[in-house]
Amino acid sequence: MMHALSERLHGGPVDRDEVRRVRDTLLFEGESFNKRLFRFFCLLILAAGISTYGLIGDSVAGVIGAMIVAPLMLPIMGLAFSISIGDRTALFSSLWISISGIATAIAVGFLLTLPMARIIQPENINQIMIRTSPHLVDLLAALVTGLAGAFALSRKDVSDTLPGVAIAVSLVPPLANTGILLALGETRLALGSLLLFGTNYVAILLTGALVFALMGYPRAVLIDQPGRVRRHAIAIALAAVALIILPLAATSYNLVKTNAITARMVDLGREWLSGSGYRLMSVDAETPDYTINLLVLGDGELPSLDWLEQQSRGMLFGRAIRVKAVRSSTHYVETR
């Protein structure tokens, strides 16, 4: 059944020529190694530079441009391919290149930000702040992107969709963001941005390896190899899964907890304000100091904060509530 699924996905059985084509696309090896490595780091440095200035300038267009230029998805997919076919040499090569690329992108963001660190206020820059706390939707997008990327790379007839795949997932921007925040002394926010990248990285790696396996590449590569090689391939895949389960589980738990707190506070806030001259405008549970910010708008006397404290006790995982009340009044002018 798996063999039939592979042929349906790929449009026919995978042969050695097809394996060589994908290998030449994804892996840095052979006579072209130095040229490809030089081109990779040149593009990565340029992409990180574009991303850094795009983030600091709060420019969506700049960030998207960096995503298109960035070549970082190549070694990640190369790592996924290496895991699926059980090639340890290619695996360590792709892993080294991707780790070097990660460090390079962070360093570029750090060095470009240092000269103007005193005039940058990250909390006022939307493109920086939205990359400091990964959401569940980021994880889901990365999982689907890994599927799309591996499928596009393994089929010549859909490879022109790769720029769209590159835009769909955020790789270089959160790394440049990490460098920016480190240069600004915002270590905690920098770790949040690095976590966003890590979530995308492992999700793409896992789903990419899965797609390559389903499309029959391990069968084509390992058909003449002893059982030991196949066992190594399975062991590598299982190790990769084990490495990502804990961070993804922790990320997912924190996201679910934050969403649950937000939902509880929306209901509780509306009940608290019922019958008063105020209405709940927003609830923000993703703050740097782990407080829950309630923004209320209205006029008159604010309902008792003691009631809100008592009703929320034990529901918010020890977090404090901060209420910001904006007083406003509505006036009607009758015209004839």
Protein backbone atom coordinates (compact mmCIF):
# COMPACT_ATOMS: atom_id res chain seq x y z
CA MET A 1 0.00 0.00 0.00
CA MET A 2 2.83 2.42 0.86
CA HIS A 3 4.49 1.68 -2.48
CA ALA A 4 1.25 2.47 -4.31
CA LEU A 5 0.88 5.70 -2.35
CA SER A 6 4.44 6.65 -3.28
CA GLU A 7 3.73 6.17 -6.99
CA ARG A 8 0.53 8.20 -6.81
CA LEU A 9 2.30 11.08 -5.05
CA HIS A 10 5.27 11.07 -7.35
CA GLY A 11 3.53 10.18 -10.58
CA GLY A 12 5.54 6.95 -10.94
CA PRO A 13 8.21 4.93 -9.14
CA VAL A 14 11.27 6.82 -7.92
CA ASP A 15 14.43 5.78 -9.76
CA ARG A 16 18.11 6.50 -9.20
CA ASP A 17 18.09 9.42 -11.65
CA GLU A 18 15.33 11.12 -9.72
CA VAL A 19 17.19 10.54 -6.45
CA ARG A 20 20.30 12.11 -8.01
CA ARG A 21 18.31 15.15 -9.18
CA VAL A 22 16.90 15.83 -5.73
CA ARG A 23 20.25 15.11 -4.13
CA ASP A 24 22.01 17.59 -6.42
CA THR A 25 19.35 20.19 -5.59
CA LEU A 26 19.46 19.84 -1.81
CA LEU A 27 22.87 18.60 -0.75
CA PHE A 28 26.18 20.43 -0.68
CA GLU A 29 28.65 17.85 -1.99
CA GLY A 30 30.88 16.94 -4.92
CA GLU A 31 32.90 19.25 -7.13
CA SER A 32 30.47 22.15 -6.77
CA PHE A 33 30.63 22.13 -2.96
CA ASN A 34 32.73 25.29 -2.55
CA LYS A 35 30.81 27.28 -5.16
CA ARG A 36 27.43 26.32 -3.71
CA LEU A 37 28.59 27.04 -0.16
CA PHE A 38 29.91 30.48 -1.16
CA ARG A 39 26.66 31.30 -2.98
CA PHE A 40 24.61 30.07 0.00
CA PHE A 41 26.35 32.32 2.52
CA CYS A 42 26.34 35.33 0.19
CA LEU A 43 22.58 35.06 -0.28
CA LEU A 44 22.04 34.38 3.42
CA ILE A 45 24.00 37.46 4.50
CA LEU A 46 22.09 39.61 2.01
CA ALA A 47 18.76 38.14 3.15
CA ALA A 48 19.63 38.71 6.81
CA GLY A 49 20.58 42.31 6.01
CA ILE A 50 17.32 42.93 4.17
CA SER A 51 15.40 41.30 7.00
CA THR A 52 17.20 43.31 9.69
CA TYR A 53 16.46 46.67 8.10
CA GLY A 54 12.97 45.55 7.14
CA LEU A 55 12.21 44.60 10.75
CA ILE A 56 13.70 47.77 12.22
CA GLY A 57 11.83 49.86 9.65
CA ASP A 58 8.60 47.94 10.36
CA SER A 59 8.39 47.12 6.64
CA VAL A 60 6.33 44.09 5.65
CA ALA A 61 7.66 44.33 2.08
CA GLY A 62 11.25 44.21 3.32
CA VAL A 63 10.59 41.14 5.44
CA ILE A 64 8.86 39.34 2.55
CA GLY A 65 11.76 40.23 0.25
CA ALA A 66 14.19 38.66 2.72
CA MET A 67 12.09 35.47 2.76
CA ILE A 68 12.35 35.15 -1.02
CA VAL A 69 16.11 35.75 -1.12
CA ALA A 70 16.94 33.55 1.89
CA PRO A 71 18.37 30.11 0.98
CA LEU A 72 18.11 28.66 4.50
CA MET A 73 15.32 26.25 3.62
CA LEU A 74 17.72 24.39 1.31
CA PRO A 75 19.94 22.78 4.00
CA ILE A 76 16.88 22.11 6.17
CA MET A 77 15.25 20.17 3.35
CA GLY A 78 18.64 18.57 2.67
CA LEU A 79 18.68 17.40 6.27
CA ALA A 80 15.13 16.03 5.93
CA PHE A 81 16.12 14.21 2.74
CA SER A 82 19.25 12.80 4.41
CA ILE A 83 17.20 11.52 7.33
CA SER A 84 14.68 9.87 5.01
CA ILE A 85 17.35 7.98 3.04
CA GLY A 86 19.59 7.24 6.04
CA ASP A 87 22.68 9.00 4.69
CA ARG A 88 24.72 9.96 7.77
CA THR A 89 27.43 11.82 5.83
CA ALA A 90 24.89 14.03 4.07
CA LEU A 91 22.99 14.41 7.34
CA PHE A 92 25.94 15.84 9.26
CA SER A 93 26.93 18.03 6.31
CA SER A 94 23.43 19.52 6.03
CA LEU A 95 23.22 19.92 9.80
CA TRP A 96 26.55 21.78 9.92
CA ILE A 97 25.55 24.11 7.09
CA SER A 98 22.16 24.89 8.61
CA ILE A 99 23.66 25.58 12.06
CA SER A 100 26.33 27.81 10.48
CA GLY A 101 23.60 29.61 8.55
CA ILE A 102 21.59 30.15 11.74
CA ALA A 103 24.60 31.66 13.51
CA THR A 104 25.40 33.85 10.49
CA ALA A 105 21.88 35.29 10.26
CA ILE A 106 21.83 36.09 13.99
CA ALA A 107 25.29 37.70 13.76
CA VAL A 108 24.23 39.91 10.82
CA GLY A 109 21.16 41.14 12.70
CA PHE A 110 23.29 41.81 15.80
CA LEU A 111 26.09 43.68 14.01
CA LEU A 112 23.79 45.82 11.85
CA THR A 113 21.72 46.85 14.87
CA LEU A 114 24.57 47.79 17.23
CA PRO A 115 25.34 51.21 15.68
CA MET A 116 21.75 52.40 16.15
CA ALA A 117 20.77 50.42 19.25
CA ARG A 118 20.17 53.56 21.34
CA ILE A 119 17.46 54.92 19.09
CA ILE A 120 15.45 51.71 18.60
CA GLN A 121 12.43 50.97 20.80
CA PRO A 122 11.45 47.36 19.94
CA GLU A 123 8.11 47.50 21.78
CA ASN A 124 6.97 50.16 19.29
CA ILE A 125 7.87 48.11 16.20
CA ASN A 126 5.15 45.64 15.25
CA GLN A 127 7.28 43.52 12.90
CA ILE A 128 9.75 42.88 15.73
CA MET A 129 7.26 42.17 18.50
CA ILE A 130 5.07 39.74 16.54
CA ARG A 131 8.13 37.48 16.16
CA THR A 132 8.87 37.19 19.88
CA SER A 133 6.12 34.73 20.83
CA PRO A 134 5.25 31.82 18.54
CA HIS A 135 1.59 30.97 18.12
CA LEU A 136 -0.05 27.67 17.37
CA VAL A 137 -0.82 28.92 13.87
CA ASP A 138 2.95 29.35 13.27
CA LEU A 139 3.50 25.70 14.07
CA LEU A 140 0.63 24.58 11.84
CA ALA A 141 1.88 26.78 8.99
CA ALA A 142 5.38 25.33 9.31
CA LEU A 143 4.06 21.76 9.25
CA VAL A 144 2.10 22.39 6.06
CA THR A 145 5.04 24.30 4.55
CA GLY A 146 7.31 21.33 5.16
CA LEU A 147 4.85 19.11 3.31
CA ALA A 148 4.59 21.58 0.42
CA GLY A 149 8.34 22.15 0.21
CA ALA A 150 9.27 18.47 0.10
CA PHE A 151 6.54 17.75 -2.44
CA ALA A 152 7.61 20.64 -4.69
CA LEU A 153 11.30 19.70 -4.51
CA SER A 154 10.63 16.07 -5.33
CA ARG A 155 8.58 16.86 -8.43
CA LYS A 156 10.02 18.76 -11.38
CA ASP A 157 6.58 19.79 -12.61
CA VAL A 158 5.73 21.81 -9.49
CA SER A 159 9.16 23.17 -8.54
CA ASP A 160 8.15 26.68 -9.68
CA THR A 161 6.02 26.95 -6.53
CA LEU A 162 9.10 27.09 -4.29
CA PRO A 163 9.16 30.93 -3.95
CA GLY A 164 5.65 30.71 -2.53
CA VAL A 165 6.80 28.02 -0.11
CA ALA A 166 9.68 30.28 1.00
CA ILE A 167 7.25 33.12 1.75
CA ALA A 168 4.87 30.83 3.63
CA VAL A 169 7.31 30.12 6.47
CA SER A 170 9.46 32.46 8.54
CA LEU A 171 13.10 31.38 8.80
CA VAL A 172 15.58 34.23 8.37
CA PRO A 173 13.36 37.04 9.82
CA PRO A 174 13.14 35.49 13.32
CA LEU A 175 16.90 34.85 13.27
CA ALA A 176 17.64 38.46 12.29
CA ASN A 177 15.09 39.47 14.92
CA THR A 178 17.03 37.46 17.50
CA GLY A 179 20.21 39.35 16.58
CA ILE A 180 18.41 42.69 16.75
CA LEU A 181 17.00 41.98 20.21
CA LEU A 182 20.34 40.70 21.52
CA ALA A 183 21.97 43.94 20.36
CA LEU A 184 19.26 45.86 22.21
CA GLY A 185 19.80 43.84 25.40
CA GLU A 186 16.34 42.20 25.19
CA THR A 187 17.49 38.65 25.93
CA ARG A 188 14.08 37.24 26.88
CA LEU A 189 12.43 38.57 23.74
CA ALA A 190 15.38 37.27 21.70
CA LEU A 191 14.82 33.78 23.10
CA GLY A 192 11.15 34.01 22.11
CA SER A 193 12.14 34.90 18.56
CA LEU A 194 14.65 32.04 18.48
CA LEU A 195 11.90 29.71 19.70
CA LEU A 196 9.75 30.78 16.74
CA PHE A 197 12.56 29.82 14.38
CA GLY A 198 13.14 26.54 16.21
CA THR A 199 9.46 25.64 15.93
CA ASN A 200 9.52 26.29 12.19
CA TYR A 201 12.82 24.44 11.77
CA VAL A 202 11.80 21.20 13.44
CA ALA A 203 8.32 21.23 11.91
CA ILE A 204 9.74 21.57 8.38
CA LEU A 205 12.37 18.93 9.14
CA LEU A 206 9.86 16.38 10.40
CA THR A 207 7.22 16.86 7.71
CA GLY A 208 9.87 17.07 4.97
CA ALA A 209 11.42 13.75 6.03
CA LEU A 210 7.95 12.21 6.17
CA VAL A 211 7.04 13.32 2.63
CA PHE A 212 10.35 12.10 1.15
CA ALA A 213 9.78 8.75 2.86
CA LEU A 214 6.17 8.47 1.62
CA MET A 215 7.24 9.30 -1.93
CA GLY A 216 9.59 6.33 -2.04
CA TYR A 217 13.08 7.84 -1.87
CA PRO A 218 14.27 5.49 0.90
CA ARG A 219 13.10 2.51 -1.18
CA ALA A 220 15.06 3.72 -4.22
CA VAL A 221 18.22 4.43 -2.23
CA LEU A 222 18.23 1.52 0.20
CA ILE A 223 16.98 -1.24 -2.08
CA ASP A 224 20.46 -2.71 -2.47
CA GLN A 225 21.67 -1.84 1.01
CA PRO A 226 21.88 -4.22 3.98
CA GLY A 227 19.28 -4.16 6.73
CA ARG A 228 21.72 -2.32 9.02
CA VAL A 229 21.58 0.76 6.77
CA ARG A 230 17.81 0.72 6.81
CA ARG A 231 17.79 0.40 10.60
CA HIS A 232 20.12 3.39 10.81
CA ALA A 233 17.72 5.41 8.67
CA ILE A 234 14.82 4.52 10.97
CA ALA A 235 16.93 5.26 14.06
CA ILE A 236 17.90 8.69 12.72
CA ALA A 237 14.27 9.52 11.97
CA LEU A 238 13.17 8.39 15.45
CA ALA A 239 15.96 10.43 17.07
CA ALA A 240 14.85 13.51 15.13
CA VAL A 241 11.27 12.96 16.31
CA ALA A 242 12.44 12.55 19.93
CA LEU A 243 14.47 15.77 19.76
CA ILE A 244 11.51 17.86 18.63
CA ILE A 245 8.76 16.37 20.79
CA LEU A 246 9.77 18.13 24.01
CA PRO A 247 10.25 21.68 22.65
CA LEU A 248 7.13 21.44 20.50
CA ALA A 249 5.14 20.02 23.40
CA ALA A 250 6.33 22.85 25.65
CA THR A 251 5.53 25.44 22.99
CA SER A 252 2.10 23.97 22.35
CA TYR A 253 1.35 23.80 26.08
CA ASN A 254 2.27 27.45 26.61
CA LEU A 255 0.19 28.51 23.63
CA VAL A 256 -2.82 26.49 24.77
CA LYS A 257 -2.45 27.89 28.32
CA THR A 258 -2.25 31.47 27.06
CA ASN A 259 -5.28 30.99 24.80
CA ALA A 260 -7.22 29.44 27.71
CA ILE A 261 -6.34 32.38 29.99
CA THR A 262 -7.42 34.85 27.30
CA ALA A 263 -10.75 33.08 26.79
CA ARG A 264 -11.41 32.97 30.55
CA MET A 265 -10.58 36.64 30.98
CA VAL A 266 -12.83 37.67 28.08
CA ASP A 267 -15.79 35.92 29.73
CA LEU A 268 -14.89 37.15 33.21
CA GLY A 269 -14.24 40.70 32.02
CA ARG A 270 -17.59 40.92 30.28
CA GLU A 271 -19.35 39.62 33.39
CA TRP A 272 -17.45 42.08 35.58
CA LEU A 273 -18.42 45.04 33.41
CA SER A 274 -22.03 43.95 32.93
CA GLY A 275 -24.40 46.76 33.87
CA SER A 276 -21.64 49.35 34.14
CA GLY A 277 -20.77 52.17 31.79
CA TYR A 278 -17.72 50.27 30.51
CA ARG A 279 -17.11 47.61 27.91
CA LEU A 280 -14.17 45.29 27.38
CA MET A 281 -12.05 46.27 24.39
CA SER A 282 -9.19 43.76 24.50
CA VAL A 283 -7.38 41.13 26.57
CA ASP A 284 -3.63 40.63 26.20
CA ALA A 285 -2.13 37.61 27.99
CA GLU A 286 1.15 37.60 26.03
CA THR A 287 3.03 40.31 27.87
CA PRO A 288 6.77 40.34 28.72
CA ASP A 289 6.07 40.49 32.49
CA TYR A 290 3.38 37.75 32.34
CA THR A 291 0.60 40.06 33.47
CA ILE A 292 -2.80 40.05 31.81
CA ASN A 293 -3.74 43.43 30.39
CA LEU A 294 -7.41 44.35 30.21
CA LEU A 295 -8.34 47.44 28.21
CA VAL A 296 -11.78 48.81 29.07
CA LEU A 297 -13.53 51.82 27.61
CA GLY A 298 -16.41 53.78 29.06
CA ASP A 299 -17.53 56.37 31.59
CA GLY A 300 -18.62 56.51 35.20
CA GLU A 301 -17.46 54.45 38.18
CA LEU A 302 -15.42 51.33 37.46
CA PRO A 303 -16.85 48.10 38.97
CA SER A 304 -15.11 46.64 42.03
CA LEU A 305 -11.61 45.30 41.36
CA ASP A 306 -11.93 43.07 44.44
CA TRP A 307 -14.69 41.12 42.71
CA LEU A 308 -12.46 40.61 39.67
CA GLU A 309 -9.59 39.42 41.86
CA GLN A 310 -11.76 36.95 43.77
CA GLN A 311 -13.42 35.51 40.67
CA SER A 312 -10.12 35.08 38.82
CA ARG A 313 -8.25 33.47 41.72
CA GLY A 314 -6.89 30.05 40.75
CA MET A 315 -7.86 30.48 37.10
CA LEU A 316 -4.88 32.37 35.73
CA PHE A 317 -1.85 30.25 36.70
CA GLY A 318 -0.65 32.84 39.21
CA ARG A 319 -0.66 35.77 36.79
CA ALA A 320 -1.61 39.28 37.87
CA ILE A 321 -4.26 41.38 36.15
CA ARG A 322 -3.62 44.95 34.99
CA VAL A 323 -6.68 47.01 34.10
CA LYS A 324 -6.34 50.07 31.91
CA ALA A 325 -9.53 52.10 31.91
CA VAL A 326 -9.99 54.71 29.20
CA ARG A 327 -12.75 57.14 30.05
CA SER A 328 -14.87 58.34 27.17
CA SER A 329 -18.24 59.89 26.63
CA THR A 330 -20.56 59.91 23.64
CA HIS A 331 -22.32 63.04 22.45
CA TYR A 332 -25.08 63.25 19.86
CA VAL A 333 -25.67 66.34 17.76
CA GLU A 334 -29.12 66.65 16.23
CA THR A 335 -29.11 68.14 12.74
CA ARG A 336 -32.05 69.26 10.66
